[in-house]
Amino acid sequence: MIAYLDGKFVYKSPAMVHVDVNGVGYEVQISLNTYSKIQNLEKGILQTCLLIREDAHILYGFFDKAEKEIFLNLISVSGIGASTARMMLSYMKPEELTRLIVLNDIHGLEKIKGIGKKTAERLVLELKDKLAKQPFDLNISPLKYNTLHTDALNALMALGIARSTADQALQRVTQTNPSLTSLEEVIKKALKTL
């Protein structure tokens, strides 16, 4: 198995990159998410996953381990192939996709091209518990990288409230009171909505 490639990006497109590693060129399939992060780089490291089919050996590349991990989880679901998983990661960042699955957001998943209601339900059924336990799910807040939201979420979970329940309560609070900046106030208001 090829775990990663460290080399020069000789050719880049939104769907594929050629990586020169000490004179050997690898063709790597990528998502738009990865492309957006490497488009201005001349060289770098891509986490990889080699899928062997009857008619081809296809190498998929990812900018970070979080994206690779969600890709591996997605292709483990019956009916989700590598192309569909790559399409999903082109539509959303790994933490956004994780958030939809963990919060049972079937409607949000259906917005992705090629994902119908049954497939979305299967994704949630098979991956919800698994993804909720993974370390990178701390960024699943709807307000990406918002430390106030993350701190409030962690505080509510420390009080024994389930992650999905706490996250939904915080979403309601931030939608009705977008100007709140006090952690204490956010937590108090979230507790009142439970």
N, C-alpha and C. Protein backbone atom coordinates (compact mmCIF):
# COMPACT_ATOMS: atom_id res chain seq x y z
N MET A 1 0.85 -1.20 0.00
CA MET A 1 0.00 0.00 0.00
C MET A 1 0.89 1.25 0.00
N ILE A 2 0.51 2.23 -0.76
CA ILE A 2 1.23 3.50 -0.80
C ILE A 2 0.51 4.44 0.17
N ALA A 3 1.15 4.77 1.28
CA ALA A 3 0.51 5.58 2.33
C ALA A 3 0.50 7.06 2.00
N TYR A 4 1.58 7.55 1.39
CA TYR A 4 1.65 8.96 1.01
C TYR A 4 2.69 9.15 -0.07
N LEU A 5 2.61 10.31 -0.73
CA LEU A 5 3.61 10.69 -1.74
C LEU A 5 4.17 12.05 -1.36
N ASP A 6 5.47 12.19 -1.43
CA ASP A 6 6.13 13.46 -1.13
C ASP A 6 6.94 13.82 -2.37
N GLY A 7 6.48 14.84 -3.10
CA GLY A 7 7.18 15.18 -4.33
C GLY A 7 6.69 16.47 -4.95
N LYS A 8 7.08 16.65 -6.23
CA LYS A 8 6.71 17.87 -6.97
C LYS A 8 5.39 17.65 -7.69
N PHE A 9 4.55 18.68 -7.68
CA PHE A 9 3.29 18.64 -8.43
C PHE A 9 3.58 19.12 -9.85
N VAL A 10 3.80 18.18 -10.75
CA VAL A 10 4.19 18.48 -12.11
C VAL A 10 3.00 18.97 -12.93
N TYR A 11 1.85 18.38 -12.71
CA TYR A 11 0.62 18.75 -13.42
C TYR A 11 -0.52 18.74 -12.41
N LYS A 12 -1.39 19.77 -12.48
CA LYS A 12 -2.54 19.85 -11.57
C LYS A 12 -3.79 20.20 -12.33
N SER A 13 -4.88 19.51 -12.00
CA SER A 13 -6.21 19.87 -12.49
C SER A 13 -7.15 19.66 -11.30
N PRO A 14 -8.38 20.16 -11.37
CA PRO A 14 -9.29 19.99 -10.24
C PRO A 14 -9.61 18.53 -9.89
N ALA A 15 -9.33 17.60 -10.79
CA ALA A 15 -9.64 16.19 -10.54
C ALA A 15 -8.42 15.29 -10.41
N MET A 16 -7.23 15.80 -10.84
CA MET A 16 -6.07 14.93 -10.89
C MET A 16 -4.78 15.74 -10.75
N VAL A 17 -3.77 15.08 -10.19
CA VAL A 17 -2.45 15.70 -10.09
C VAL A 17 -1.41 14.65 -10.44
N HIS A 18 -0.33 15.08 -11.11
CA HIS A 18 0.81 14.20 -11.35
C HIS A 18 1.89 14.60 -10.35
N VAL A 19 2.34 13.62 -9.56
CA VAL A 19 3.34 13.88 -8.53
C VAL A 19 4.64 13.18 -8.94
N ASP A 20 5.72 13.96 -9.05
CA ASP A 20 7.04 13.42 -9.38
C ASP A 20 7.76 13.14 -8.06
N VAL A 21 7.98 11.85 -7.78
CA VAL A 21 8.70 11.45 -6.58
C VAL A 21 10.01 10.81 -7.03
N ASN A 22 11.09 11.58 -6.95
CA ASN A 22 12.42 11.10 -7.34
C ASN A 22 12.44 10.51 -8.75
N GLY A 23 11.81 11.20 -9.69
CA GLY A 23 11.84 10.77 -11.08
C GLY A 23 10.73 9.81 -11.48
N VAL A 24 9.91 9.38 -10.53
CA VAL A 24 8.78 8.49 -10.85
C VAL A 24 7.50 9.32 -10.77
N GLY A 25 6.72 9.32 -11.84
CA GLY A 25 5.49 10.12 -11.87
C GLY A 25 4.27 9.30 -11.48
N TYR A 26 3.54 9.78 -10.52
CA TYR A 26 2.31 9.12 -10.08
C TYR A 26 1.11 9.96 -10.49
N GLU A 27 0.11 9.31 -11.09
CA GLU A 27 -1.14 9.99 -11.41
C GLU A 27 -2.07 9.76 -10.22
N VAL A 28 -2.53 10.86 -9.62
CA VAL A 28 -3.33 10.77 -8.40
C VAL A 28 -4.67 11.48 -8.60
N GLN A 29 -5.75 10.77 -8.32
CA GLN A 29 -7.10 11.34 -8.39
C GLN A 29 -7.33 12.14 -7.10
N ILE A 30 -7.86 13.35 -7.23
CA ILE A 30 -8.07 14.20 -6.05
C ILE A 30 -9.47 14.83 -6.07
N SER A 31 -9.87 15.35 -4.92
CA SER A 31 -11.13 16.09 -4.82
C SER A 31 -10.87 17.58 -5.02
N LEU A 32 -11.93 18.34 -5.21
CA LEU A 32 -11.78 19.80 -5.31
C LEU A 32 -11.22 20.38 -4.02
N ASN A 33 -11.57 19.75 -2.90
CA ASN A 33 -11.08 20.19 -1.59
C ASN A 33 -9.54 20.15 -1.57
N THR A 34 -8.98 19.03 -2.01
CA THR A 34 -7.51 18.90 -2.06
C THR A 34 -6.92 19.85 -3.09
N TYR A 35 -7.56 19.95 -4.25
CA TYR A 35 -7.05 20.84 -5.29
C TYR A 35 -6.95 22.29 -4.80
N SER A 36 -7.98 22.73 -4.07
CA SER A 36 -7.97 24.11 -3.58
C SER A 36 -6.80 24.38 -2.64
N LYS A 37 -6.32 23.33 -1.97
CA LYS A 37 -5.21 23.50 -1.03
C LYS A 37 -3.84 23.37 -1.68
N ILE A 38 -3.77 22.67 -2.82
CA ILE A 38 -2.46 22.48 -3.46
C ILE A 38 -2.27 23.30 -4.74
N GLN A 39 -3.31 23.99 -5.18
CA GLN A 39 -3.23 24.65 -6.49
C GLN A 39 -2.09 25.66 -6.59
N ASN A 40 -1.68 26.27 -5.47
CA ASN A 40 -0.58 27.24 -5.52
C ASN A 40 0.74 26.68 -5.02
N LEU A 41 0.79 25.37 -4.77
CA LEU A 41 2.01 24.74 -4.27
C LEU A 41 2.76 24.06 -5.41
N GLU A 42 4.09 24.11 -5.36
CA GLU A 42 4.90 23.42 -6.35
C GLU A 42 5.21 22.00 -5.93
N LYS A 43 5.27 21.77 -4.62
CA LYS A 43 5.54 20.43 -4.11
C LYS A 43 4.85 20.27 -2.76
N GLY A 44 4.75 19.03 -2.33
CA GLY A 44 4.10 18.77 -1.05
C GLY A 44 3.88 17.29 -0.83
N ILE A 45 3.13 17.01 0.23
CA ILE A 45 2.81 15.62 0.60
C ILE A 45 1.32 15.39 0.41
N LEU A 46 0.98 14.28 -0.22
CA LEU A 46 -0.42 13.87 -0.34
C LEU A 46 -0.58 12.52 0.37
N GLN A 47 -1.54 12.42 1.26
CA GLN A 47 -1.92 11.14 1.85
C GLN A 47 -2.60 10.37 0.72
N THR A 48 -2.37 9.07 0.61
CA THR A 48 -2.92 8.33 -0.52
C THR A 48 -3.64 7.05 -0.12
N CYS A 49 -4.45 6.59 -1.06
CA CYS A 49 -5.16 5.32 -0.92
C CYS A 49 -5.15 4.68 -2.31
N LEU A 50 -4.61 3.47 -2.41
CA LEU A 50 -4.54 2.76 -3.68
C LEU A 50 -5.69 1.76 -3.74
N LEU A 51 -6.55 1.93 -4.72
CA LEU A 51 -7.66 0.99 -4.92
C LEU A 51 -7.36 0.14 -6.14
N ILE A 52 -7.44 -1.16 -5.96
CA ILE A 52 -7.13 -2.09 -7.05
C ILE A 52 -8.44 -2.72 -7.53
N ARG A 53 -8.72 -2.48 -8.80
CA ARG A 53 -9.89 -3.08 -9.43
C ARG A 53 -9.42 -4.09 -10.46
N GLU A 54 -10.36 -4.79 -11.01
CA GLU A 54 -10.04 -5.80 -12.02
C GLU A 54 -9.36 -5.18 -13.23
N ASP A 55 -9.80 -3.96 -13.59
CA ASP A 55 -9.29 -3.33 -14.80
C ASP A 55 -8.33 -2.17 -14.57
N ALA A 56 -8.07 -1.81 -13.31
CA ALA A 56 -7.20 -0.65 -13.07
C ALA A 56 -6.70 -0.59 -11.62
N HIS A 57 -5.58 0.08 -11.46
CA HIS A 57 -5.07 0.44 -10.14
C HIS A 57 -5.18 1.95 -10.06
N ILE A 58 -5.99 2.45 -9.13
CA ILE A 58 -6.25 3.89 -9.06
C ILE A 58 -5.76 4.43 -7.72
N LEU A 59 -4.94 5.48 -7.81
CA LEU A 59 -4.39 6.11 -6.62
C LEU A 59 -5.17 7.39 -6.32
N TYR A 60 -5.72 7.48 -5.12
CA TYR A 60 -6.46 8.67 -4.68
C TYR A 60 -5.59 9.41 -3.68
N GLY A 61 -5.58 10.75 -3.81
CA GLY A 61 -4.74 11.56 -2.94
C GLY A 61 -5.56 12.57 -2.14
N PHE A 62 -5.04 12.88 -0.95
CA PHE A 62 -5.75 13.77 -0.02
C PHE A 62 -4.75 14.71 0.63
N PHE A 63 -5.17 15.96 0.82
CA PHE A 63 -4.28 16.95 1.42
C PHE A 63 -3.95 16.61 2.87
N ASP A 64 -4.91 16.05 3.60
CA ASP A 64 -4.66 15.72 5.01
C ASP A 64 -5.29 14.39 5.39
N LYS A 65 -4.95 13.91 6.58
CA LYS A 65 -5.43 12.61 7.04
C LYS A 65 -6.93 12.60 7.30
N ALA A 66 -7.50 13.73 7.69
CA ALA A 66 -8.94 13.80 7.96
C ALA A 66 -9.73 13.48 6.69
N GLU A 67 -9.29 14.04 5.56
CA GLU A 67 -9.99 13.78 4.30
C GLU A 67 -9.81 12.32 3.89
N LYS A 68 -8.62 11.78 4.07
CA LYS A 68 -8.39 10.37 3.73
C LYS A 68 -9.27 9.47 4.58
N GLU A 69 -9.36 9.78 5.86
CA GLU A 69 -10.15 8.98 6.79
C GLU A 69 -11.63 8.97 6.41
N ILE A 70 -12.18 10.13 6.09
CA ILE A 70 -13.60 10.19 5.72
C ILE A 70 -13.82 9.47 4.39
N PHE A 71 -12.86 9.57 3.46
CA PHE A 71 -12.94 8.85 2.19
C PHE A 71 -13.02 7.34 2.44
N LEU A 72 -12.14 6.82 3.29
CA LEU A 72 -12.14 5.39 3.60
C LEU A 72 -13.45 4.96 4.26
N ASN A 73 -13.98 5.81 5.12
CA ASN A 73 -15.27 5.51 5.75
C ASN A 73 -16.38 5.50 4.72
N LEU A 74 -16.37 6.47 3.81
CA LEU A 74 -17.42 6.55 2.80
C LEU A 74 -17.43 5.33 1.88
N ILE A 75 -16.25 4.90 1.43
CA ILE A 75 -16.22 3.76 0.49
C ILE A 75 -16.52 2.44 1.20
N SER A 76 -16.53 2.44 2.53
CA SER A 76 -16.90 1.22 3.26
C SER A 76 -18.41 1.00 3.27
N VAL A 77 -19.17 2.02 2.89
CA VAL A 77 -20.63 1.94 2.86
C VAL A 77 -21.07 1.30 1.54
N SER A 78 -21.96 0.32 1.64
CA SER A 78 -22.48 -0.36 0.45
C SER A 78 -23.13 0.66 -0.49
N GLY A 79 -22.75 0.62 -1.76
CA GLY A 79 -23.33 1.52 -2.74
C GLY A 79 -22.56 2.81 -2.95
N ILE A 80 -21.53 3.04 -2.14
CA ILE A 80 -20.69 4.24 -2.29
C ILE A 80 -19.33 3.80 -2.83
N GLY A 81 -19.06 4.16 -4.07
CA GLY A 81 -17.78 3.83 -4.67
C GLY A 81 -16.80 4.99 -4.50
N ALA A 82 -15.60 4.78 -4.96
CA ALA A 82 -14.56 5.80 -4.83
C ALA A 82 -14.92 7.09 -5.57
N SER A 83 -15.55 6.96 -6.75
CA SER A 83 -15.92 8.15 -7.52
C SER A 83 -16.97 8.98 -6.78
N THR A 84 -17.95 8.30 -6.19
CA THR A 84 -18.99 9.00 -5.43
C THR A 84 -18.39 9.65 -4.19
N ALA A 85 -17.50 8.94 -3.50
CA ALA A 85 -16.85 9.50 -2.30
C ALA A 85 -16.04 10.74 -2.67
N ARG A 86 -15.33 10.68 -3.80
CA ARG A 86 -14.55 11.84 -4.24
C ARG A 86 -15.47 13.00 -4.59
N MET A 87 -16.61 12.71 -5.20
CA MET A 87 -17.59 13.74 -5.54
C MET A 87 -18.10 14.40 -4.25
N MET A 88 -18.38 13.59 -3.24
CA MET A 88 -18.88 14.12 -1.97
C MET A 88 -17.85 15.06 -1.34
N LEU A 89 -16.57 14.66 -1.42
CA LEU A 89 -15.50 15.48 -0.84
C LEU A 89 -15.19 16.70 -1.71
N SER A 90 -15.67 16.70 -2.93
CA SER A 90 -15.54 17.89 -3.77
C SER A 90 -16.64 18.90 -3.43
N TYR A 91 -17.78 18.40 -2.99
CA TYR A 91 -18.90 19.26 -2.61
C TYR A 91 -18.68 19.88 -1.24
N MET A 92 -18.10 19.11 -0.31
CA MET A 92 -17.98 19.57 1.08
C MET A 92 -16.63 19.21 1.67
N LYS A 93 -16.23 19.99 2.67
CA LYS A 93 -15.01 19.68 3.41
C LYS A 93 -15.29 18.49 4.31
N PRO A 94 -14.25 17.75 4.70
CA PRO A 94 -14.46 16.56 5.54
C PRO A 94 -15.26 16.85 6.82
N GLU A 95 -14.97 17.98 7.48
CA GLU A 95 -15.70 18.28 8.72
C GLU A 95 -17.17 18.61 8.47
N GLU A 96 -17.46 19.20 7.31
CA GLU A 96 -18.87 19.50 6.97
C GLU A 96 -19.63 18.21 6.69
N LEU A 97 -19.01 17.30 5.97
CA LEU A 97 -19.62 16.02 5.66
C LEU A 97 -19.83 15.21 6.94
N THR A 98 -18.83 15.20 7.79
CA THR A 98 -18.93 14.51 9.08
C THR A 98 -20.08 15.08 9.89
N ARG A 99 -20.20 16.39 9.91
CA ARG A 99 -21.27 17.04 10.66
C ARG A 99 -22.64 16.59 10.17
N LEU A 100 -22.84 16.56 8.85
CA LEU A 100 -24.13 16.14 8.29
C LEU A 100 -24.47 14.71 8.70
N ILE A 101 -23.48 13.83 8.65
CA ILE A 101 -23.71 12.43 8.98
C ILE A 101 -23.98 12.26 10.48
N VAL A 102 -23.15 12.88 11.32
CA VAL A 102 -23.31 12.74 12.77
C VAL A 102 -24.63 13.35 13.24
N LEU A 103 -25.06 14.44 12.62
CA LEU A 103 -26.30 15.10 13.04
C LEU A 103 -27.53 14.56 12.30
N ASN A 104 -27.34 13.45 11.54
CA ASN A 104 -28.47 12.79 10.88
C ASN A 104 -29.17 13.72 9.90
N ASP A 105 -28.42 14.55 9.19
CA ASP A 105 -28.99 15.53 8.27
C ASP A 105 -29.14 14.92 6.87
N ILE A 106 -30.19 14.12 6.69
CA ILE A 106 -30.45 13.44 5.42
C ILE A 106 -30.64 14.45 4.29
N HIS A 107 -31.41 15.51 4.58
CA HIS A 107 -31.69 16.53 3.56
C HIS A 107 -30.40 17.19 3.07
N GLY A 108 -29.49 17.49 3.98
CA GLY A 108 -28.20 18.10 3.61
C GLY A 108 -27.37 17.18 2.73
N LEU A 109 -27.40 15.88 3.03
CA LEU A 109 -26.64 14.91 2.23
C LEU A 109 -27.25 14.75 0.84
N GLU A 110 -28.56 14.87 0.74
CA GLU A 110 -29.24 14.72 -0.56
C GLU A 110 -28.88 15.84 -1.53
N LYS A 111 -28.38 16.95 -1.03
CA LYS A 111 -27.99 18.07 -1.90
C LYS A 111 -26.75 17.75 -2.73
N ILE A 112 -26.02 16.71 -2.32
CA ILE A 112 -24.82 16.31 -3.05
C ILE A 112 -25.24 15.52 -4.29
N LYS A 113 -24.68 15.88 -5.43
CA LYS A 113 -25.02 15.21 -6.70
C LYS A 113 -24.76 13.70 -6.58
N GLY A 114 -25.76 12.92 -6.96
CA GLY A 114 -25.62 11.47 -6.94
C GLY A 114 -26.03 10.80 -5.64
N ILE A 115 -26.41 11.60 -4.64
CA ILE A 115 -26.82 11.03 -3.36
C ILE A 115 -28.33 11.20 -3.19
N GLY A 116 -29.04 10.07 -3.21
CA GLY A 116 -30.48 10.09 -3.01
C GLY A 116 -30.83 9.84 -1.56
N LYS A 117 -32.11 9.81 -1.27
CA LYS A 117 -32.56 9.64 0.11
C LYS A 117 -32.09 8.32 0.72
N LYS A 118 -32.22 7.22 -0.03
CA LYS A 118 -31.83 5.91 0.51
C LYS A 118 -30.33 5.84 0.79
N THR A 119 -29.53 6.40 -0.11
CA THR A 119 -28.09 6.40 0.08
C THR A 119 -27.72 7.27 1.28
N ALA A 120 -28.36 8.42 1.41
CA ALA A 120 -28.11 9.32 2.54
C ALA A 120 -28.46 8.62 3.86
N GLU A 121 -29.59 7.92 3.87
CA GLU A 121 -29.99 7.20 5.08
C GLU A 121 -29.01 6.09 5.42
N ARG A 122 -28.51 5.39 4.39
CA ARG A 122 -27.52 4.33 4.60
C ARG A 122 -26.22 4.90 5.16
N LEU A 123 -25.80 6.05 4.63
CA LEU A 123 -24.59 6.72 5.13
C LEU A 123 -24.72 7.02 6.61
N VAL A 124 -25.85 7.60 6.99
CA VAL A 124 -26.07 7.95 8.40
C VAL A 124 -26.11 6.69 9.26
N LEU A 125 -26.86 5.69 8.82
CA LEU A 125 -27.01 4.45 9.58
C LEU A 125 -25.66 3.77 9.82
N GLU A 126 -24.84 3.69 8.77
CA GLU A 126 -23.58 2.95 8.89
C GLU A 126 -22.42 3.76 9.48
N LEU A 127 -22.45 5.09 9.35
CA LEU A 127 -21.28 5.88 9.76
C LEU A 127 -21.48 6.80 10.97
N LYS A 128 -22.72 7.06 11.35
CA LYS A 128 -22.98 8.04 12.40
C LYS A 128 -22.18 7.78 13.68
N ASP A 129 -22.32 6.59 14.24
CA ASP A 129 -21.63 6.27 15.49
C ASP A 129 -20.12 6.23 15.32
N LYS A 130 -19.67 5.69 14.18
CA LYS A 130 -18.24 5.59 13.91
C LYS A 130 -17.59 6.97 13.82
N LEU A 131 -18.22 7.89 13.08
CA LEU A 131 -17.65 9.23 12.90
C LEU A 131 -17.74 10.08 14.16
N ALA A 132 -18.75 9.85 14.98
CA ALA A 132 -18.90 10.63 16.22
C ALA A 132 -17.75 10.37 17.18
N LYS A 133 -17.08 9.21 17.02
CA LYS A 133 -15.97 8.85 17.92
C LYS A 133 -14.61 9.31 17.42
N GLN A 134 -14.53 9.77 16.17
CA GLN A 134 -13.22 10.11 15.61
C GLN A 134 -12.76 11.48 16.06
N PRO A 135 -11.43 11.65 16.24
CA PRO A 135 -10.90 12.88 16.80
C PRO A 135 -11.15 14.14 15.98
N PHE A 136 -11.23 14.04 14.64
CA PHE A 136 -11.39 15.27 13.86
C PHE A 136 -12.81 15.79 13.87
N ASP A 137 -13.73 15.11 14.58
CA ASP A 137 -15.11 15.58 14.58
C ASP A 137 -15.31 16.79 15.50
N LEU A 138 -14.26 17.27 16.15
CA LEU A 138 -14.41 18.48 16.96
C LEU A 138 -14.69 19.70 16.11
N ASN A 139 -14.37 19.63 14.82
CA ASN A 139 -14.63 20.76 13.91
C ASN A 139 -15.97 20.67 13.21
N ILE A 140 -16.91 19.88 13.74
CA ILE A 140 -18.17 19.70 13.03
C ILE A 140 -19.18 20.78 13.34
N SER A 141 -18.77 21.81 13.98
CA SER A 141 -19.67 22.92 14.27
C SER A 141 -20.12 23.57 12.97
N PRO A 142 -21.38 24.03 12.91
CA PRO A 142 -21.83 24.69 11.70
C PRO A 142 -21.11 26.01 11.49
N LEU A 143 -20.60 26.60 12.57
CA LEU A 143 -19.79 27.81 12.45
C LEU A 143 -18.34 27.34 12.45
N LYS A 144 -17.81 27.08 11.26
CA LYS A 144 -16.50 26.47 11.14
C LYS A 144 -15.43 27.21 11.93
N TYR A 145 -14.69 26.43 12.69
CA TYR A 145 -13.55 26.94 13.46
C TYR A 145 -13.94 28.05 14.45
N ASN A 146 -15.19 28.11 14.82
CA ASN A 146 -15.63 29.10 15.79
C ASN A 146 -15.34 28.57 17.18
N THR A 147 -14.37 29.15 17.87
CA THR A 147 -13.97 28.62 19.18
C THR A 147 -15.05 28.80 20.21
N LEU A 148 -15.87 29.84 20.11
CA LEU A 148 -16.96 30.03 21.06
C LEU A 148 -17.93 28.85 20.96
N HIS A 149 -18.28 28.48 19.75
CA HIS A 149 -19.19 27.35 19.55
C HIS A 149 -18.55 26.05 20.06
N THR A 150 -17.28 25.83 19.71
CA THR A 150 -16.59 24.62 20.13
C THR A 150 -16.49 24.54 21.65
N ASP A 151 -16.14 25.67 22.29
CA ASP A 151 -16.04 25.69 23.75
C ASP A 151 -17.39 25.41 24.40
N ALA A 152 -18.44 26.01 23.85
CA ALA A 152 -19.80 25.80 24.38
C ALA A 152 -20.22 24.34 24.19
N LEU A 153 -19.90 23.78 23.03
CA LEU A 153 -20.23 22.39 22.75
C LEU A 153 -19.52 21.45 23.74
N ASN A 154 -18.24 21.70 23.95
CA ASN A 154 -17.48 20.87 24.89
C ASN A 154 -18.03 21.00 26.31
N ALA A 155 -18.42 22.21 26.70
CA ALA A 155 -18.98 22.43 28.03
C ALA A 155 -20.29 21.67 28.21
N LEU A 156 -21.16 21.74 27.21
CA LEU A 156 -22.44 21.04 27.29
C LEU A 156 -22.24 19.52 27.33
N MET A 157 -21.27 19.03 26.56
CA MET A 157 -20.98 17.60 26.58
C MET A 157 -20.42 17.18 27.94
N ALA A 158 -19.63 18.06 28.56
CA ALA A 158 -19.09 17.77 29.89
C ALA A 158 -20.21 17.68 30.93
N LEU A 159 -21.33 18.35 30.66
CA LEU A 159 -22.49 18.30 31.55
C LEU A 159 -23.33 17.04 31.31
N GLY A 160 -22.90 16.21 30.35
CA GLY A 160 -23.59 14.95 30.10
C GLY A 160 -24.60 15.01 28.97
N ILE A 161 -24.62 16.10 28.22
CA ILE A 161 -25.56 16.24 27.11
C ILE A 161 -24.93 15.63 25.86
N ALA A 162 -25.71 14.86 25.13
CA ALA A 162 -25.20 14.21 23.91
C ALA A 162 -24.74 15.26 22.90
N ARG A 163 -23.71 14.92 22.14
CA ARG A 163 -23.12 15.85 21.16
C ARG A 163 -24.17 16.40 20.20
N SER A 164 -24.98 15.52 19.60
CA SER A 164 -25.94 15.99 18.60
C SER A 164 -26.99 16.90 19.22
N THR A 165 -27.44 16.57 20.44
CA THR A 165 -28.43 17.41 21.13
C THR A 165 -27.83 18.77 21.46
N ALA A 166 -26.60 18.76 21.97
CA ALA A 166 -25.92 20.01 22.33
C ALA A 166 -25.69 20.87 21.09
N ASP A 167 -25.26 20.24 19.99
CA ASP A 167 -24.97 20.98 18.76
C ASP A 167 -26.25 21.62 18.20
N GLN A 168 -27.36 20.89 18.25
CA GLN A 168 -28.63 21.43 17.77
C GLN A 168 -29.09 22.60 18.63
N ALA A 169 -28.90 22.49 19.94
CA ALA A 169 -29.28 23.58 20.84
C ALA A 169 -28.44 24.82 20.55
N LEU A 170 -27.15 24.63 20.32
CA LEU A 170 -26.26 25.76 20.02
C LEU A 170 -26.61 26.39 18.68
N GLN A 171 -27.01 25.58 17.72
CA GLN A 171 -27.43 26.13 16.43
C GLN A 171 -28.64 27.04 16.60
N ARG A 172 -29.61 26.58 17.41
CA ARG A 172 -30.81 27.39 17.65
C ARG A 172 -30.43 28.72 18.32
N VAL A 173 -29.53 28.65 19.29
CA VAL A 173 -29.12 29.87 20.02
C VAL A 173 -28.41 30.84 19.08
N THR A 174 -27.48 30.33 18.27
CA THR A 174 -26.72 31.24 17.40
C THR A 174 -27.58 31.80 16.27
N GLN A 175 -28.62 31.07 15.88
CA GLN A 175 -29.52 31.61 14.84
C GLN A 175 -30.41 32.72 15.40
N THR A 176 -30.87 32.55 16.64
CA THR A 176 -31.76 33.57 17.21
C THR A 176 -30.99 34.72 17.86
N ASN A 177 -29.74 34.47 18.28
CA ASN A 177 -28.92 35.51 18.92
C ASN A 177 -27.53 35.54 18.29
N PRO A 178 -27.37 35.95 17.04
CA PRO A 178 -26.08 35.88 16.36
C PRO A 178 -25.00 36.80 16.95
N SER A 179 -25.41 37.78 17.75
CA SER A 179 -24.42 38.72 18.28
C SER A 179 -23.84 38.30 19.63
N LEU A 180 -24.24 37.15 20.17
CA LEU A 180 -23.72 36.70 21.47
C LEU A 180 -22.22 36.42 21.38
N THR A 181 -21.47 36.93 22.35
CA THR A 181 -20.03 36.68 22.37
C THR A 181 -19.57 36.10 23.70
N SER A 182 -20.47 36.03 24.68
CA SER A 182 -20.12 35.50 25.99
C SER A 182 -20.39 34.00 26.04
N LEU A 183 -19.35 33.22 26.37
CA LEU A 183 -19.48 31.77 26.46
C LEU A 183 -20.55 31.40 27.48
N GLU A 184 -20.53 32.07 28.60
CA GLU A 184 -21.49 31.79 29.67
C GLU A 184 -22.93 31.99 29.19
N GLU A 185 -23.18 33.08 28.47
CA GLU A 185 -24.53 33.37 27.96
C GLU A 185 -24.98 32.35 26.94
N VAL A 186 -24.06 31.95 26.05
CA VAL A 186 -24.38 30.96 25.02
C VAL A 186 -24.78 29.64 25.69
N ILE A 187 -24.01 29.22 26.70
CA ILE A 187 -24.31 27.97 27.40
C ILE A 187 -25.65 28.05 28.11
N LYS A 188 -25.89 29.16 28.81
CA LYS A 188 -27.16 29.32 29.55
C LYS A 188 -28.35 29.27 28.59
N LYS A 189 -28.26 29.97 27.49
CA LYS A 189 -29.37 29.99 26.52
C LYS A 189 -29.56 28.61 25.88
N ALA A 190 -28.46 27.91 25.61
CA ALA A 190 -28.57 26.57 25.03
C ALA A 190 -29.24 25.63 26.02
N LEU A 191 -28.90 25.74 27.30
CA LEU A 191 -29.51 24.88 28.32
C LEU A 191 -31.02 25.13 28.41
N LYS A 192 -31.43 26.37 28.21
CA LYS A 192 -32.86 26.70 28.28
C LYS A 192 -33.64 26.08 27.11
N THR A 193 -32.97 25.88 25.97
CA THR A 193 -33.66 25.31 24.81
C THR A 193 -33.79 23.80 24.88
N LEU A 194 -33.08 23.17 25.80
CA LEU A 194 -33.12 21.71 25.90
C LEU A 194 -34.38 21.22 26.58
